[in-house]
C-alpha atoms as a PDB file:
ATOM      1  CA  MET A   1      21.607   4.973  27.200  1.00  0.00           C
ATOM      2  CA  LYS A   2      21.164   5.875  23.611  1.00  0.00           C
ATOM      3  CA  LYS A   3      17.734   5.350  22.173  1.00  0.00           C
ATOM      4  CA  GLU A   4      17.461   5.058  18.359  1.00  0.00           C
ATOM      5  CA  MET A   5      14.431   6.193  16.391  1.00  0.00           C
ATOM      6  CA  GLY A   6      12.990   4.069  13.704  1.00  0.00           C
ATOM      7  CA  LEU A   7       9.982   3.524  11.356  1.00  0.00           C
ATOM      8  CA  VAL A   8       7.673   0.498  11.486  1.00  0.00           C
ATOM      9  CA  GLY A   9       4.881  -0.022   8.949  1.00  0.00           C
ATOM     10  CA  TRP A  10       1.620  -2.053   9.176  1.00  0.00           C
ATOM     11  CA  THR A  11      -0.970  -2.830   6.510  1.00  0.00           C
ATOM     12  CA  LYS A  12      -4.581  -3.879   6.972  1.00  0.00           C
ATOM     13  CA  ILE A  13      -6.815  -4.678   4.095  1.00  0.00           C
ATOM     14  CA  TYR A  14     -10.643  -4.790   4.543  1.00  0.00           C
ATOM     15  CA  GLU A  15     -13.406  -5.779   2.266  1.00  0.00           C
ATOM     16  CA  ALA A  16     -15.151  -2.519   1.269  1.00  0.00           C
ATOM     17  CA  VAL A  17     -18.814  -2.570   2.429  1.00  0.00           C
ATOM     18  CA  ARG A  18     -21.223  -0.071   0.850  1.00  0.00           C
ATOM     19  CA  LYS A  19     -23.368   1.911   3.325  1.00  0.00           C
ATOM     20  CA  GLY A  20     -25.515   4.311   1.254  1.00  0.00           C
ATOM     21  CA  GLU A  21     -23.043   6.520  -0.645  1.00  0.00           C
ATOM     22  CA  LYS A  22     -20.018   5.593   1.561  1.00  0.00           C
ATOM     23  CA  PHE A  23     -17.774   2.481   1.805  1.00  0.00           C
ATOM     24  CA  LEU A  24     -16.904   1.321   5.223  1.00  0.00           C
ATOM     25  CA  PRO A  25     -14.309  -1.326   6.340  1.00  0.00           C
ATOM     26  CA  GLY A  26     -15.770  -4.814   6.495  1.00  0.00           C
ATOM     27  CA  ASN A  27     -14.092  -8.121   7.052  1.00  0.00           C
ATOM     28  CA  VAL A  28     -10.273  -8.038   7.593  1.00  0.00           C
ATOM     29  CA  LEU A  29      -8.657  -9.881   4.673  1.00  0.00           C
ATOM     30  CA  PHE A  30      -4.895  -9.170   5.505  1.00  0.00           C
ATOM     31  CA  ASP A  31      -3.277  -7.710   8.562  1.00  0.00           C
ATOM     32  CA  HIS A  32       0.514  -7.779   8.699  1.00  0.00           C
ATOM     33  CA  HIS A  33       3.635  -5.531   8.957  1.00  0.00           C
ATOM     34  CA  ASN A  34       5.261  -4.308   5.732  1.00  0.00           C
ATOM     35  CA  VAL A  35       8.668  -3.490   4.429  1.00  0.00           C
ATOM     36  CA  ILE A  36       9.879   0.175   4.346  1.00  0.00           C
ATOM     37  CA  THR A  37      12.238   0.593   1.452  1.00  0.00           C
ATOM     38  CA  LEU A  38      15.701   1.962   1.649  1.00  0.00           C
ATOM     39  CA  PHE A  39      14.548   4.832  -0.498  1.00  0.00           C
ATOM     40  CA  GLY A  40      11.639   5.468   1.919  1.00  0.00           C
ATOM     41  CA  LEU A  41      14.073   5.574   4.944  1.00  0.00           C
ATOM     42  CA  THR A  42      16.357   8.008   3.103  1.00  0.00           C
ATOM     43  CA  ARG A  43      13.446  10.194   2.021  1.00  0.00           C
ATOM     44  CA  SER A  44      12.105  10.170   5.618  1.00  0.00           C
ATOM     45  CA  ALA A  45      15.367  11.483   6.865  1.00  0.00           C
ATOM     46  CA  GLN A  46      15.443  14.159   4.091  1.00  0.00           C
ATOM     47  CA  LEU A  47      11.951  15.227   5.127  1.00  0.00           C
ATOM     48  CA  LEU A  48      12.828  15.421   8.762  1.00  0.00           C
ATOM     49  CA  GLY A  49      15.842  17.661   7.900  1.00  0.00           C
ATOM     50  CA  GLY A  50      13.885  19.861   5.520  1.00  0.00           C
ATOM     51  CA  LEU A  51      16.044  18.598   2.598  1.00  0.00           C
ATOM     52  CA  ASN A  52      13.060  17.470   0.543  1.00  0.00           C
ATOM     53  CA  THR A  53       9.365  18.410   0.198  1.00  0.00           C
ATOM     54  CA  HIS A  54       7.917  15.378  -1.509  1.00  0.00           C
ATOM     55  CA  PHE A  55       5.680  13.678   1.032  1.00  0.00           C
ATOM     56  CA  ILE A  56       3.660  10.378   0.861  1.00  0.00           C
ATOM     57  CA  ASN A  57       0.589  11.158  -1.302  1.00  0.00           C
ATOM     58  CA  ALA A  58      -0.330   7.927  -3.078  1.00  0.00           C
ATOM     59  CA  MET A  59      -1.185   4.274  -2.556  1.00  0.00           C
ATOM     60  CA  ALA A  60      -1.397   1.542  -5.206  1.00  0.00           C
ATOM     61  CA  ILE A  61      -2.381  -2.051  -5.512  1.00  0.00           C
ATOM     62  CA  GLY A  62      -1.162  -4.620  -7.989  1.00  0.00           C
ATOM     63  CA  ASP A  63      -1.420  -8.158  -9.069  1.00  0.00           C
ATOM     64  CA  GLY A  64       2.374  -8.966  -9.470  1.00  0.00           C
ATOM     65  CA  GLY A  65       3.094  -9.800  -5.800  1.00  0.00           C
ATOM     66  CA  ALA A  66       2.579 -13.568  -6.210  1.00  0.00           C
ATOM     67  CA  PRO A  67       3.071 -16.103  -9.010  1.00  0.00           C
ATOM     68  CA  GLN A  68       0.099 -16.639 -11.201  1.00  0.00           C
ATOM     69  CA  ALA A  69       0.525 -20.403 -10.693  1.00  0.00           C
ATOM     70  CA  MET A  70       0.698 -20.088  -6.804  1.00  0.00           C
ATOM     71  CA  PRO A  71      -1.500 -17.084  -5.943  1.00  0.00           C
ATOM     72  CA  GLY A  72      -1.467 -18.060  -2.277  1.00  0.00           C
ATOM     73  CA  ALA A  73       2.328 -17.898  -1.976  1.00  0.00           C
ATOM     74  CA  PRO A  74       3.359 -14.278  -2.263  1.00  0.00           C
ATOM     75  CA  TYR A  75       6.874 -13.022  -3.016  1.00  0.00           C
ATOM     76  CA  VAL A  76       8.794 -11.601  -0.107  1.00  0.00           C
ATOM     77  CA  PRO A  77       8.935  -7.781  -0.289  1.00  0.00           C
ATOM     78  CA  LEU A  78      12.455  -6.419  -0.137  1.00  0.00           C
ATOM     79  CA  ASP A  79      13.747  -3.159   1.211  1.00  0.00           C
ATOM     80  CA  THR A  80      15.400  -2.658  -2.278  1.00  0.00           C
ATOM     81  CA  ASP A  81      11.979  -2.674  -4.064  1.00  0.00           C
ATOM     82  CA  THR A  82      11.425   0.470  -6.024  1.00  0.00           C
ATOM     83  CA  GLY A  83       7.803  -0.122  -7.218  1.00  0.00           C
ATOM     84  CA  LEU A  84       5.087  -2.628  -7.461  1.00  0.00           C
ATOM     85  CA  ALA A  85       5.680  -5.556  -9.782  1.00  0.00           C
ATOM     86  CA  HIS A  86       2.440  -4.795 -11.694  1.00  0.00           C
ATOM     87  CA  GLU A  87       0.470  -1.843 -10.510  1.00  0.00           C
ATOM     88  CA  ILE A  88      -3.232  -1.890 -11.536  1.00  0.00           C
ATOM     89  CA  LEU A  89      -4.880   0.950  -9.530  1.00  0.00           C
ATOM     90  CA  ARG A  90      -3.679   4.079  -7.712  1.00  0.00           C
ATOM     91  CA  THR A  91      -5.263   6.576  -5.401  1.00  0.00           C
ATOM     92  CA  THR A  92      -4.147   9.929  -4.060  1.00  0.00           C
ATOM     93  CA  SER A  93      -7.073  10.205  -1.721  1.00  0.00           C
ATOM     94  CA  LEU A  94      -5.389   8.942   1.356  1.00  0.00           C
ATOM     95  CA  ASN A  95      -6.748  11.081   4.290  1.00  0.00           C
ATOM     96  CA  PRO A  96      -3.577  11.019   6.352  1.00  0.00           C
ATOM     97  CA  THR A  97      -4.270  11.233  10.141  1.00  0.00           C
ATOM     98  CA  ILE A  98      -2.234  11.222  13.293  1.00  0.00           C
ATOM     99  CA  VAL A  99      -3.282   8.561  15.730  1.00  0.00           C
ATOM    100  CA  GLY A 100      -1.957   9.061  19.313  1.00  0.00           C
ATOM    101  CA  THR A 101       1.578  10.602  19.374  1.00  0.00           C
ATOM    102  CA  SER A 102       3.564   8.426  17.081  1.00  0.00           C
ATOM    103  CA  GLN A 103       1.296   6.850  14.396  1.00  0.00           C
ATOM    104  CA  LEU A 104       0.522   8.205  10.860  1.00  0.00           C
ATOM    105  CA  GLN A 105      -2.291   6.399   9.151  1.00  0.00           C
ATOM    106  CA  PHE A 106      -3.227   6.469   5.489  1.00  0.00           C
ATOM    107  CA  THR A 107      -6.427   5.021   4.100  1.00  0.00           C
ATOM    108  CA  GLY A 108      -7.099   4.206   0.489  1.00  0.00           C
ATOM    109  CA  LEU A 109     -10.244   2.915  -1.330  1.00  0.00           C
ATOM    110  CA  PHE A 110      -9.945   0.682  -4.394  1.00  0.00           C
ATOM    111  CA  LEU A 111     -13.140  -0.230  -6.266  1.00  0.00           C
ATOM    112  CA  THR A 112     -13.513  -3.241  -8.650  1.00  0.00           C
ATOM    113  CA  SER A 113     -15.565  -1.156 -11.040  1.00  0.00           C
ATOM    114  CA  SER A 114     -12.415   0.731 -12.222  1.00  0.00           C
ATOM    115  CA  PRO A 115     -11.002  -0.165 -15.601  1.00  0.00           C
ATOM    116  CA  ILE A 116      -8.197  -2.660 -14.848  1.00  0.00           C
ATOM    117  CA  THR A 117      -5.468  -4.226 -17.000  1.00  0.00           C
ATOM    118  CA  TRP A 118      -4.601  -7.555 -15.469  1.00  0.00           C
ATOM    119  CA  LEU A 119      -1.149  -9.249 -15.639  1.00  0.00           C
ATOM    120  CA  GLY A 120      -2.754 -12.631 -16.234  1.00  0.00           C
ATOM    121  CA  THR A 121      -6.117 -14.406 -15.995  1.00  0.00           C
ATOM    122  CA  LEU A 122      -6.387 -14.283 -12.103  1.00  0.00           C
ATOM    123  CA  HIS A 123      -8.418 -11.220 -11.203  1.00  0.00           C
ATOM    124  CA  ALA A 124      -6.856 -10.746  -7.729  1.00  0.00           C
ATOM    125  CA  VAL A 125      -4.587  -8.397  -6.006  1.00  0.00           C
ATOM    126  CA  ASN A 126      -1.534  -9.343  -3.889  1.00  0.00           C
ATOM    127  CA  GLU A 127       0.682  -6.267  -3.445  1.00  0.00           C
ATOM    128  CA  VAL A 128       0.285  -2.761  -2.235  1.00  0.00           C
ATOM    129  CA  GLY A 129       2.589   0.192  -1.968  1.00  0.00           C
ATOM    130  CA  LEU A 130       2.863   3.653  -0.575  1.00  0.00           C
ATOM    131  CA  PHE A 131       4.452   6.302  -2.852  1.00  0.00           C
ATOM    132  CA  PHE A 132       5.919   9.834  -2.537  1.00  0.00           C
ATOM    133  CA  SER A 133       4.432  12.753  -4.537  1.00  0.00           C
ATOM    134  CA  ASP A 134       7.282  12.831  -7.042  1.00  0.00           C
ATOM    135  CA  ASP A 135       6.402   9.248  -8.187  1.00  0.00           C
ATOM    136  CA  VAL A 136       4.793  10.589 -11.339  1.00  0.00           C
ATOM    137  CA  GLN A 137       5.333   7.767 -13.842  1.00  0.00           C
ATOM    138  CA  PRO A 138       5.877   4.107 -13.799  1.00  0.00           C
ATOM    139  CA  GLY A 139       9.511   3.193 -13.227  1.00  0.00           C
ATOM    140  CA  THR A 140      10.445   6.121 -11.050  1.00  0.00           C
ATOM    141  CA  PRO A 141      11.809   4.657  -7.761  1.00  0.00           C
ATOM    142  CA  ARG A 142       9.764   6.677  -5.339  1.00  0.00           C
ATOM    143  CA  MET A 143       8.047   3.981  -3.154  1.00  0.00           C
ATOM    144  CA  PHE A 144       8.104   4.397   0.667  1.00  0.00           C
ATOM    145  CA  ALA A 145       6.962   0.953   1.564  1.00  0.00           C
ATOM    146  CA  ARG A 146       5.637  -2.336   0.031  1.00  0.00           C
ATOM    147  CA  ASN A 147       3.679  -5.237   1.152  1.00  0.00           C
ATOM    148  CA  THR A 148       2.751  -8.621  -0.580  1.00  0.00           C
ATOM    149  CA  PHE A 149       0.039 -10.998   0.559  1.00  0.00           C
ATOM    150  CA  PRO A 150      -1.863 -14.048  -0.611  1.00  0.00           C
ATOM    151  CA  SER A 151      -4.052 -13.120  -3.612  1.00  0.00           C
ATOM    152  CA  ILE A 152      -7.305 -11.607  -2.789  1.00  0.00           C
ATOM    153  CA  PRO A 153     -10.074 -11.874  -5.445  1.00  0.00           C
ATOM    154  CA  PHE A 154     -10.763  -8.442  -6.986  1.00  0.00           C
ATOM    155  CA  ASP A 155     -13.663  -8.674  -9.287  1.00  0.00           C
ATOM    156  CA  PRO A 156     -17.230  -7.183  -9.087  1.00  0.00           C
ATOM    157  CA  VAL A 157     -18.472 -10.853  -8.763  1.00  0.00           C
ATOM    158  CA  ASP A 158     -16.374 -11.168  -5.587  1.00  0.00           C
ATOM    159  CA  ARG A 159     -16.640  -7.802  -3.932  1.00  0.00           C
ATOM    160  CA  GLU A 160     -17.055  -4.082  -4.659  1.00  0.00           C
ATOM    161  CA  GLY A 161     -13.659  -3.183  -3.506  1.00  0.00           C
ATOM    162  CA  LEU A 162     -11.091  -2.979  -0.830  1.00  0.00           C
ATOM    163  CA  ILE A 163     -10.119  -0.393   1.813  1.00  0.00           C
ATOM    164  CA  VAL A 164      -6.484  -0.375   2.773  1.00  0.00           C
ATOM    165  CA  THR A 165      -5.212   1.233   5.997  1.00  0.00           C
ATOM    166  CA  TRP A 166      -1.517   1.742   6.268  1.00  0.00           C
ATOM    167  CA  SER A 167       0.019   2.761   9.550  1.00  0.00           C
ATOM    168  CA  VAL A 168       3.539   4.135   9.964  1.00  0.00           C
ATOM    169  CA  TYR A 169       4.769   4.094  13.599  1.00  0.00           C
ATOM    170  CA  ILE A 170       7.758   6.253  14.719  1.00  0.00           C
ATOM    171  CA  VAL A 171       9.420   4.149  17.356  1.00  0.00           C
END
């Protein structure tokens, strides 16, 4: 019997809780599978075959994943997505780790104290993406995977920040 290999992604978003100088995961705010883009699948095949050297090295959050008028009803992410609808913060500090034998996990910290340019008046995030190292400017289609979710307030009044863990499973 032929067994096919595939990739499955999962996103968990936690409230960031300050413990001294560190931030630790607090309450889970979102926990759901994500969409791996067509570009992400092609790039993964290239990486496995040694045909490309640009690995995942960035994670970003945005506020364009749901309509401003209906922040609790996110748009459906598509495998044809090439970037976030409106990126507000990005990090390259992902600390990739191997969990078990077939899971790769990335962790990103996003603080509300960062300077942010909002799409509208709602200070909330509702989309997240994983990006390859050659995604160097907005508009370059280098996103591995994307997720959208009901808007999470993202303001110093609401919380200090978010911790996002993104797991990629090879199945």
